[in-house]
Amino acid sequence: MKKSVVPIIFLVAAVVIMSGCSTAHLKTTEIRRLPVSDLNDIISEEYVEFDSEISADGNGSIKVTCDEPIVVELYVLDDINIEDASLIYEAKMRSENLKGNAYLEMRCCFDS
């Protein structure tokens, strides 16, 4: 069975946009950036390797190789205060020899 390779170029810019009455008064503040330069902060260890050859920002990417459907957890951000704000995540993904679909999914859980 041929293996699928999904390099995930994870330029995550968590950006907070402070709420206001009109868009003219919006202020953008970057609170976290997670450039991929190694696997130190990556949650999942199985199927994952660092790829220094493929990169959107020159630092490298996360390469996932598998021959069956899997879920790979990348990051957990649990210390962000975003009261009365909008949170924006940005990431890039590309695939090679992929059979089927690949999804980049973000799950958010907020304490109330």
C-alpha atoms as a PDB file:
ATOM      1  CA  MET A   1       0.000   0.000   0.000  1.00  0.00           C
ATOM      2  CA  LYS A   2       1.390   3.393  -0.989  1.00  0.00           C
ATOM      3  CA  LYS A   3       1.846   5.882   1.820  1.00  0.00           C
ATOM      4  CA  SER A   4       0.350   9.363   1.732  1.00  0.00           C
ATOM      5  CA  VAL A   5       2.535  12.306   2.616  1.00  0.00           C
ATOM      6  CA  VAL A   6       0.977  15.494   3.958  1.00  0.00           C
ATOM      7  CA  PRO A   7       3.486  18.224   4.778  1.00  0.00           C
ATOM      8  CA  ILE A   8       1.794  20.781   6.966  1.00  0.00           C
ATOM      9  CA  ILE A   9       3.370  24.175   6.724  1.00  0.00           C
ATOM     10  CA  PHE A  10       2.095  25.594   9.948  1.00  0.00           C
ATOM     11  CA  LEU A  11       2.493  29.330  10.034  1.00  0.00           C
ATOM     12  CA  VAL A  12       0.031  29.954  12.759  1.00  0.00           C
ATOM     13  CA  ALA A  13      -0.528  33.544  13.581  1.00  0.00           C
ATOM     14  CA  ALA A  14      -3.000  33.814  16.390  1.00  0.00           C
ATOM     15  CA  VAL A  15      -4.286  37.340  16.004  1.00  0.00           C
ATOM     16  CA  VAL A  16      -6.690  39.108  18.300  1.00  0.00           C
ATOM     17  CA  ILE A  17      -8.878  41.839  16.893  1.00  0.00           C
ATOM     18  CA  MET A  18     -10.355  43.974  19.620  1.00  0.00           C
ATOM     19  CA  SER A  19     -14.098  44.484  19.274  1.00  0.00           C
ATOM     20  CA  GLY A  20     -15.496  47.923  18.553  1.00  0.00           C
ATOM     21  CA  CYS A  21     -18.626  49.583  17.254  1.00  0.00           C
ATOM     22  CA  SER A  22     -17.253  50.076  13.751  1.00  0.00           C
ATOM     23  CA  THR A  23     -14.478  48.560  11.673  1.00  0.00           C
ATOM     24  CA  ALA A  24     -12.690  51.936  11.562  1.00  0.00           C
ATOM     25  CA  HIS A  25     -11.723  51.505  15.230  1.00  0.00           C
ATOM     26  CA  LEU A  26     -10.400  47.925  15.040  1.00  0.00           C
ATOM     27  CA  LYS A  27      -6.947  47.341  16.466  1.00  0.00           C
ATOM     28  CA  THR A  28      -5.039  44.152  15.612  1.00  0.00           C
ATOM     29  CA  THR A  29      -2.597  42.640  18.090  1.00  0.00           C
ATOM     30  CA  GLU A  30      -0.660  39.461  17.442  1.00  0.00           C
ATOM     31  CA  ILE A  31      -0.553  37.438  20.650  1.00  0.00           C
ATOM     32  CA  ARG A  32       1.116  34.195  19.526  1.00  0.00           C
ATOM     33  CA  ARG A  33       3.080  32.945  16.509  1.00  0.00           C
ATOM     34  CA  LEU A  34       4.079  29.310  16.182  1.00  0.00           C
ATOM     35  CA  PRO A  35       6.621  29.007  13.370  1.00  0.00           C
ATOM     36  CA  VAL A  36       7.666  25.416  12.717  1.00  0.00           C
ATOM     37  CA  SER A  37      11.415  25.083  13.215  1.00  0.00           C
ATOM     38  CA  ASP A  38      11.349  21.762  15.100  1.00  0.00           C
ATOM     39  CA  LEU A  39       8.864  19.320  16.668  1.00  0.00           C
ATOM     40  CA  ASN A  40       9.284  20.454  20.298  1.00  0.00           C
ATOM     41  CA  ASP A  41       5.731  21.844  20.728  1.00  0.00           C
ATOM     42  CA  ILE A  42       3.914  19.260  18.549  1.00  0.00           C
ATOM     43  CA  ILE A  43       1.498  17.071  20.564  1.00  0.00           C
ATOM     44  CA  SER A  44       1.386  13.944  18.349  1.00  0.00           C
ATOM     45  CA  GLU A  45       4.644  12.048  17.905  1.00  0.00           C
ATOM     46  CA  GLU A  46       3.576   9.091  15.751  1.00  0.00           C
ATOM     47  CA  TYR A  47       3.573   9.608  11.919  1.00  0.00           C
ATOM     48  CA  VAL A  48       5.126  13.087  12.325  1.00  0.00           C
ATOM     49  CA  GLU A  49       8.567  14.311  11.294  1.00  0.00           C
ATOM     50  CA  PHE A  50      10.247  17.657  10.723  1.00  0.00           C
ATOM     51  CA  ASP A  51      10.909  18.584   7.076  1.00  0.00           C
ATOM     52  CA  SER A  52      13.526  21.293   6.577  1.00  0.00           C
ATOM     53  CA  GLU A  53      13.203  21.173   2.763  1.00  0.00           C
ATOM     54  CA  ILE A  54       9.571  22.311   2.445  1.00  0.00           C
ATOM     55  CA  SER A  55       8.619  25.589   4.091  1.00  0.00           C
ATOM     56  CA  ALA A  56       6.457  28.657   3.583  1.00  0.00           C
ATOM     57  CA  ASP A  57       8.588  30.825   5.880  1.00  0.00           C
ATOM     58  CA  GLY A  58      12.037  29.220   5.522  1.00  0.00           C
ATOM     59  CA  ASN A  59      11.938  27.496   8.937  1.00  0.00           C
ATOM     60  CA  GLY A  60      10.603  24.087   7.869  1.00  0.00           C
ATOM     61  CA  SER A  61       7.334  22.175   8.109  1.00  0.00           C
ATOM     62  CA  ILE A  62       5.628  19.234   9.764  1.00  0.00           C
ATOM     63  CA  LYS A  63       5.505  16.137   7.559  1.00  0.00           C
ATOM     64  CA  VAL A  64       2.846  13.510   8.249  1.00  0.00           C
ATOM     65  CA  THR A  65       3.238  10.117   6.521  1.00  0.00           C
ATOM     66  CA  CYS A  66       0.585   7.421   6.897  1.00  0.00           C
ATOM     67  CA  ASP A  67      -1.248   4.704   4.973  1.00  0.00           C
ATOM     68  CA  GLU A  68      -4.581   4.937   6.814  1.00  0.00           C
ATOM     69  CA  PRO A  69      -6.775   7.769   8.149  1.00  0.00           C
ATOM     70  CA  ILE A  70      -5.318   9.373  11.289  1.00  0.00           C
ATOM     71  CA  VAL A  71      -5.701  12.453  13.478  1.00  0.00           C
ATOM     72  CA  VAL A  72      -2.557  14.418  14.292  1.00  0.00           C
ATOM     73  CA  GLU A  73      -2.736  16.907  17.150  1.00  0.00           C
ATOM     74  CA  LEU A  74      -0.397  19.827  16.554  1.00  0.00           C
ATOM     75  CA  TYR A  75      -0.729  22.432  19.290  1.00  0.00           C
ATOM     76  CA  VAL A  76      -2.704  23.238  22.415  1.00  0.00           C
ATOM     77  CA  LEU A  77      -2.973  26.891  23.366  1.00  0.00           C
ATOM     78  CA  ASP A  78      -4.506  27.078  26.804  1.00  0.00           C
ATOM     79  CA  ASP A  79      -3.176  30.337  28.194  1.00  0.00           C
ATOM     80  CA  ILE A  80      -4.738  32.909  25.870  1.00  0.00           C
ATOM     81  CA  ASN A  81      -7.102  35.542  27.253  1.00  0.00           C
ATOM     82  CA  ILE A  82      -9.429  36.612  24.453  1.00  0.00           C
ATOM     83  CA  GLU A  83     -12.293  38.251  26.319  1.00  0.00           C
ATOM     84  CA  ASP A  84     -14.380  40.465  23.979  1.00  0.00           C
ATOM     85  CA  ALA A  85     -12.154  39.694  20.991  1.00  0.00           C
ATOM     86  CA  SER A  86     -11.925  37.723  17.761  1.00  0.00           C
ATOM     87  CA  LEU A  87      -9.312  34.990  17.416  1.00  0.00           C
ATOM     88  CA  ILE A  88      -7.866  34.305  13.954  1.00  0.00           C
ATOM     89  CA  TYR A  89      -5.696  31.276  13.089  1.00  0.00           C
ATOM     90  CA  GLU A  90      -3.791  30.887   9.827  1.00  0.00           C
ATOM     91  CA  ALA A  91      -2.149  27.719   8.523  1.00  0.00           C
ATOM     92  CA  LYS A  92      -1.087  26.184   5.201  1.00  0.00           C
ATOM     93  CA  MET A  93      -1.246  22.560   4.094  1.00  0.00           C
ATOM     94  CA  ARG A  94      -0.153  20.724   0.961  1.00  0.00           C
ATOM     95  CA  SER A  95      -0.280  17.068  -0.007  1.00  0.00           C
ATOM     96  CA  GLU A  96       1.565  14.589  -2.188  1.00  0.00           C
ATOM     97  CA  ASN A  97       0.359  11.115  -3.288  1.00  0.00           C
ATOM     98  CA  LEU A  98      -2.799  11.636  -1.271  1.00  0.00           C
ATOM     99  CA  LYS A  99      -5.627   9.155  -1.733  1.00  0.00           C
ATOM    100  CA  GLY A 100      -8.857  10.680  -0.451  1.00  0.00           C
ATOM    101  CA  ASN A 101      -9.108  13.891   1.556  1.00  0.00           C
ATOM    102  CA  ALA A 102      -6.990  15.719   4.110  1.00  0.00           C
ATOM    103  CA  TYR A 103      -8.403  18.323   6.481  1.00  0.00           C
ATOM    104  CA  LEU A 104      -6.815  20.973   8.632  1.00  0.00           C
ATOM    105  CA  GLU A 105      -9.162  21.368  11.560  1.00  0.00           C
ATOM    106  CA  MET A 106      -9.124  23.673  14.554  1.00  0.00           C
ATOM    107  CA  ARG A 107     -11.004  22.713  17.712  1.00  0.00           C
ATOM    108  CA  CYS A 108     -11.702  25.426  20.253  1.00  0.00           C
ATOM    109  CA  CYS A 109     -12.801  24.944  23.849  1.00  0.00           C
ATOM    110  CA  PHE A 110     -13.376  28.038  25.964  1.00  0.00           C
ATOM    111  CA  ASP A 111     -14.111  28.160  29.646  1.00  0.00           C
ATOM    112  CA  SER A 112     -17.197  30.162  30.464  1.00  0.00           C
END
